[in-house]
N, C-alpha and C. Protein backbone atom coordinates (compact mmCIF):
# COMPACT_ATOMS: atom_id res chain seq x y z
N MET A 1 32.68 24.69 272.82
CA MET A 1 32.72 25.71 272.35
C MET A 1 33.29 26.94 273.17
N VAL A 2 34.01 27.75 272.84
CA VAL A 2 34.73 28.78 273.36
C VAL A 2 34.43 30.21 272.94
N ARG A 3 34.34 31.26 273.74
CA ARG A 3 34.16 32.86 273.46
C ARG A 3 35.39 33.22 272.85
N VAL A 4 35.33 33.87 271.69
CA VAL A 4 36.57 34.14 271.00
C VAL A 4 36.32 35.85 270.88
N TYR A 5 35.31 36.31 270.82
CA TYR A 5 34.98 37.75 270.75
C TYR A 5 33.78 38.14 271.31
N THR A 6 33.73 39.49 271.91
CA THR A 6 32.56 39.96 272.42
C THR A 6 32.82 41.44 271.79
N GLY A 7 31.53 42.08 271.82
CA GLY A 7 31.39 43.40 271.33
C GLY A 7 30.07 44.09 271.68
N GLN A 8 30.18 45.51 271.90
CA GLN A 8 28.97 46.29 272.42
C GLN A 8 27.90 46.11 271.48
N VAL A 9 28.33 46.35 269.97
CA VAL A 9 27.41 46.37 268.84
C VAL A 9 27.47 45.11 268.00
N LEU A 10 26.27 44.85 267.79
CA LEU A 10 25.93 43.47 267.34
C LEU A 10 26.56 43.46 265.82
N ALA A 11 26.41 44.58 265.10
CA ALA A 11 27.09 44.43 263.83
C ALA A 11 28.70 44.12 263.57
N LEU A 12 29.27 44.77 264.66
CA LEU A 12 30.77 44.40 264.70
C LEU A 12 31.06 42.87 264.97
N VAL A 13 29.93 42.21 265.71
CA VAL A 13 30.25 40.89 266.27
C VAL A 13 29.97 40.24 264.81
N GLU A 14 28.84 40.55 264.13
CA GLU A 14 28.65 39.77 262.78
C GLU A 14 29.66 39.99 262.07
N ILE A 15 30.37 41.11 261.68
CA ILE A 15 31.47 41.25 260.82
C ILE A 15 32.73 40.40 261.08
N MET A 16 32.74 40.10 262.57
CA MET A 16 33.94 39.21 262.77
C MET A 16 33.40 37.61 262.67
N LYS A 17 32.05 37.57 262.62
CA LYS A 17 31.61 36.25 262.28
C LYS A 17 31.86 35.96 260.69
N ASP A 18 31.44 37.16 259.90
CA ASP A 18 31.82 37.05 258.50
C ASP A 18 33.15 36.76 258.15
N ILE A 19 33.98 37.27 258.94
CA ILE A 19 35.67 37.18 258.70
C ILE A 19 35.96 35.88 258.70
N LEU A 20 35.46 35.13 259.99
CA LEU A 20 35.96 33.71 260.20
C LEU A 20 35.30 32.96 259.23
N LYS A 21 34.18 33.25 258.67
CA LYS A 21 33.36 32.47 257.63
C LYS A 21 34.45 32.18 256.61
N MET A 22 34.82 33.57 256.14
CA MET A 22 35.82 33.56 254.95
C MET A 22 37.23 32.78 255.12
N HIS A 23 37.42 32.48 256.22
CA HIS A 23 38.51 31.45 256.63
C HIS A 23 38.12 30.08 257.04
N ASN A 24 36.79 29.92 256.48
CA ASN A 24 36.26 28.27 256.89
C ASN A 24 36.04 28.19 258.29
N ILE A 25 35.98 28.99 259.19
CA ILE A 25 35.75 28.73 260.69
C ILE A 25 34.33 29.00 261.12
N GLU A 26 33.48 28.23 261.56
CA GLU A 26 32.17 28.24 261.87
C GLU A 26 31.98 28.86 263.11
N SER A 27 31.06 29.69 263.37
CA SER A 27 30.97 30.37 264.61
C SER A 27 29.49 30.63 264.87
N HIS A 28 29.10 30.83 266.17
CA HIS A 28 27.76 31.31 266.54
C HIS A 28 27.60 32.43 267.44
N ILE A 29 26.74 33.18 267.35
CA ILE A 29 26.60 34.40 268.17
C ILE A 29 25.56 34.27 268.98
N LYS A 30 25.79 34.40 270.33
CA LYS A 30 24.99 34.38 271.53
C LYS A 30 24.68 35.80 272.02
N ASN A 31 23.61 35.90 272.87
CA ASN A 31 23.20 37.18 273.38
C ASN A 31 22.81 38.33 272.48
N GLN A 32 22.61 37.91 271.09
CA GLN A 32 22.32 38.90 270.17
C GLN A 32 21.00 39.89 270.46
N TYR A 33 19.99 39.17 271.27
CA TYR A 33 18.77 39.79 271.67
C TYR A 33 18.82 40.13 272.97
N LEU A 34 20.06 40.20 273.79
CA LEU A 34 19.80 40.26 275.12
C LEU A 34 19.94 41.59 275.70
N SER A 35 20.30 42.41 274.69
CA SER A 35 20.11 44.09 274.96
C SER A 35 19.15 44.59 275.64
N ALA A 36 17.98 43.83 275.65
CA ALA A 36 16.64 44.29 276.07
C ALA A 36 16.65 44.35 277.78
N ALA A 37 17.69 43.30 278.15
CA ALA A 37 17.80 43.04 279.48
C ALA A 37 18.73 44.06 280.36
N VAL A 38 19.37 44.97 279.67
CA VAL A 38 20.17 45.95 280.20
C VAL A 38 19.35 46.65 281.31
N GLY A 39 19.89 46.75 282.38
CA GLY A 39 19.18 47.37 283.53
C GLY A 39 18.86 46.34 284.54
N GLU A 40 18.58 45.18 283.89
CA GLU A 40 18.25 44.22 284.96
C GLU A 40 19.87 43.22 285.40
N ILE A 41 20.53 43.40 284.23
CA ILE A 41 21.69 42.75 284.16
C ILE A 41 22.92 43.83 283.91
N PRO A 42 24.12 43.61 284.19
CA PRO A 42 25.19 44.46 283.81
C PRO A 42 25.45 44.71 282.45
N PRO A 43 25.50 45.85 282.03
CA PRO A 43 25.37 46.04 280.18
C PRO A 43 26.42 45.08 279.63
N HIS A 44 27.51 44.95 280.13
CA HIS A 44 28.59 44.34 279.33
C HIS A 44 28.41 42.68 279.37
N GLU A 45 27.40 42.32 280.24
CA GLU A 45 27.06 40.76 280.27
C GLU A 45 25.97 40.70 279.11
N SER A 46 25.39 41.61 278.63
CA SER A 46 24.46 41.55 277.55
C SER A 46 24.93 41.73 276.05
N TRP A 47 26.24 42.09 275.96
CA TRP A 47 26.83 42.16 275.05
C TRP A 47 26.83 41.02 273.99
N PRO A 48 26.86 40.98 272.65
CA PRO A 48 26.76 39.79 271.94
C PRO A 48 28.09 39.07 271.96
N GLN A 49 28.24 37.70 271.90
CA GLN A 49 29.31 37.07 272.00
C GLN A 49 29.61 36.08 270.84
N LEU A 50 30.75 35.90 270.25
CA LEU A 50 31.05 34.99 269.21
C LEU A 50 31.74 33.81 269.64
N TRP A 51 31.28 32.93 269.51
CA TRP A 51 31.83 31.55 270.04
C TRP A 51 32.16 30.43 268.67
N VAL A 52 33.11 29.89 268.86
CA VAL A 52 33.85 28.97 267.99
C VAL A 52 34.06 27.61 268.64
N SER A 53 34.48 26.50 267.92
CA SER A 53 34.80 25.14 268.27
C SER A 53 36.23 25.42 269.23
N ASP A 54 36.43 24.55 270.17
CA ASP A 54 37.50 24.36 270.72
C ASP A 54 38.78 24.34 269.90
N GLN A 55 38.58 23.47 269.00
CA GLN A 55 39.73 23.19 268.02
C GLN A 55 39.95 24.49 267.01
N ASP A 56 39.17 25.27 266.91
CA ASP A 56 39.28 26.32 266.08
C ASP A 56 39.70 27.84 266.72
N PHE A 57 39.85 27.68 268.13
CA PHE A 57 39.87 28.80 268.99
C PHE A 57 41.19 29.62 268.57
N GLU A 58 42.20 29.07 268.66
CA GLU A 58 43.61 29.72 268.30
C GLU A 58 43.63 30.32 267.09
N HIS A 59 43.21 29.73 266.13
CA HIS A 59 43.11 30.24 264.85
C HIS A 59 42.15 31.22 264.64
N ALA A 60 40.97 31.26 265.13
CA ALA A 60 40.20 32.27 265.19
C ALA A 60 40.64 33.51 266.02
N ARG A 61 41.21 33.41 266.97
CA ARG A 61 41.66 34.42 267.86
C ARG A 61 42.63 35.28 267.13
N LYS A 62 43.48 34.59 266.39
CA LYS A 62 44.79 35.25 265.49
C LYS A 62 44.12 36.20 264.39
N ILE A 63 42.99 35.37 263.74
CA ILE A 63 42.43 36.25 262.74
C ILE A 63 41.44 37.08 263.08
N ILE A 64 40.88 37.28 264.16
CA ILE A 64 40.21 38.60 264.85
C ILE A 64 41.33 39.46 265.35
N ALA A 65 42.36 39.19 265.93
CA ALA A 65 43.43 39.95 266.42
C ALA A 65 43.88 40.85 265.10
N GLU A 66 44.16 40.09 263.98
CA GLU A 66 44.47 40.79 262.70
C GLU A 66 43.52 41.65 262.07
N ALA A 67 42.25 41.31 262.29
CA ALA A 67 40.96 42.10 261.82
C ALA A 67 41.18 43.48 262.43
N GLU A 68 41.18 43.26 263.84
CA GLU A 68 41.11 44.34 264.73
C GLU A 68 42.49 45.43 264.60
N LYS A 69 43.60 44.86 264.43
CA LYS A 69 44.58 45.67 264.02
C LYS A 69 44.55 46.49 262.76
N ASP A 70 43.94 45.94 261.71
CA ASP A 70 43.78 46.35 260.49
C ASP A 70 42.45 47.47 260.42
N SER A 71 41.74 47.50 261.42
CA SER A 71 40.68 48.42 261.46
C SER A 71 41.02 50.07 261.57
N PRO A 72 40.54 50.77 260.93
CA PRO A 72 41.05 52.25 261.09
C PRO A 72 40.82 52.70 262.51
N GLU A 73 41.69 53.81 262.87
CA GLU A 73 41.42 54.33 264.39
C GLU A 73 40.40 55.33 264.33
N PRO A 74 39.71 55.49 265.29
CA PRO A 74 38.59 56.40 265.38
C PRO A 74 39.29 57.72 265.09
N GLN A 75 38.50 58.84 264.35
CA GLN A 75 39.15 60.01 264.10
C GLN A 75 38.76 60.98 265.24
N ASP A 76 39.52 61.90 265.39
CA ASP A 76 39.20 63.18 266.35
C ASP A 76 37.88 63.58 265.97
N VAL A 77 37.13 64.33 266.94
CA VAL A 77 35.94 65.11 266.72
C VAL A 77 36.44 66.43 266.60
N LEU A 78 35.80 67.20 265.35
CA LEU A 78 36.34 68.70 265.37
C LEU A 78 35.06 69.45 265.87
N ILE A 79 35.29 70.63 265.90
CA ILE A 79 34.04 71.49 266.02
C ILE A 79 34.08 72.56 264.93
N CYS A 80 32.79 72.91 264.54
CA CYS A 80 32.94 73.72 263.11
C CYS A 80 33.04 75.18 263.77
N SER A 81 33.78 75.82 263.18
CA SER A 81 33.99 77.22 263.80
C SER A 81 32.69 78.08 263.45
N LYS A 82 31.91 77.85 262.39
CA LYS A 82 30.78 78.61 262.07
C LYS A 82 29.42 78.55 262.83
N CYS A 83 29.25 77.00 263.16
CA CYS A 83 27.99 76.91 263.87
C CYS A 83 28.13 76.11 265.28
N GLY A 84 29.43 75.66 265.69
CA GLY A 84 29.69 75.08 266.85
C GLY A 84 29.59 73.56 266.83
N GLU A 85 29.08 72.78 265.67
CA GLU A 85 28.52 71.70 265.88
C GLU A 85 29.78 70.63 265.71
N GLU A 86 29.60 69.56 266.34
CA GLU A 86 30.68 68.46 266.33
C GLU A 86 30.68 67.71 264.95
N VAL A 87 31.76 67.51 264.44
CA VAL A 87 32.04 66.95 263.12
C VAL A 87 33.09 65.96 263.27
N GLU A 88 32.72 64.72 262.86
CA GLU A 88 33.79 63.55 262.95
C GLU A 88 35.17 63.92 262.03
N GLY A 89 36.33 63.61 262.66
CA GLY A 89 37.43 64.09 261.89
C GLY A 89 37.68 63.69 260.58
N GLN A 90 37.14 62.76 260.05
CA GLN A 90 37.45 62.20 258.60
C GLN A 90 36.53 62.94 257.69
N PHE A 91 35.52 63.88 258.01
CA PHE A 91 34.77 64.72 257.29
C PHE A 91 35.56 66.16 257.24
N ALA A 92 35.46 66.82 255.99
CA ALA A 92 36.01 68.09 255.66
C ALA A 92 34.97 69.23 255.86
N VAL A 93 33.83 68.79 255.81
CA VAL A 93 32.67 69.70 255.88
C VAL A 93 31.67 69.53 256.82
N CYS A 94 31.33 70.44 257.51
CA CYS A 94 30.24 70.44 258.63
C CYS A 94 28.91 69.68 258.13
N TRP A 95 28.22 68.90 258.60
CA TRP A 95 26.98 68.26 258.24
C TRP A 95 26.12 69.22 258.35
N ASN A 96 26.22 69.90 259.32
CA ASN A 96 24.97 70.91 259.86
C ASN A 96 25.03 72.15 258.94
N CYS A 97 26.02 73.00 258.73
CA CYS A 97 25.97 74.09 257.89
C CYS A 97 26.65 74.12 256.58
N GLY A 98 27.34 73.24 256.34
CA GLY A 98 28.10 73.01 254.96
C GLY A 98 29.59 73.61 255.14
N ALA A 99 29.97 74.27 256.12
CA ALA A 99 31.27 75.11 256.27
C ALA A 99 32.27 74.21 256.22
N ALA A 100 33.44 74.65 255.67
CA ALA A 100 34.66 73.70 255.95
C ALA A 100 35.35 73.66 257.22
N VAL A 101 35.56 72.35 257.57
CA VAL A 101 36.05 72.32 259.10
C VAL A 101 37.64 71.90 258.92
N ASP A 102 38.40 72.60 259.97
CA ASP A 102 39.76 72.15 260.10
C ASP A 102 40.36 72.07 261.29
């Protein structure tokens, strides 16, 4: 088995696992419960990891690279001019006060 992907958020690792499954590649998640050990071990060592068989590694790596390329870029954070709250760039209305942000 070879590690093909790791991420800070378990949900993202599970999404990659599902994408590989859609391409008929079996994978296994390791460290999914290791976040409780943060502080005892370095944080990046506790991140969930996605592992595949040696023969599927190259194909899986290409599929994951394509999936990451297709993911949307994070939006800039905007500041509401009415209340000063931070609003993620994909939203046009402040979640706190309802004012339009630009």
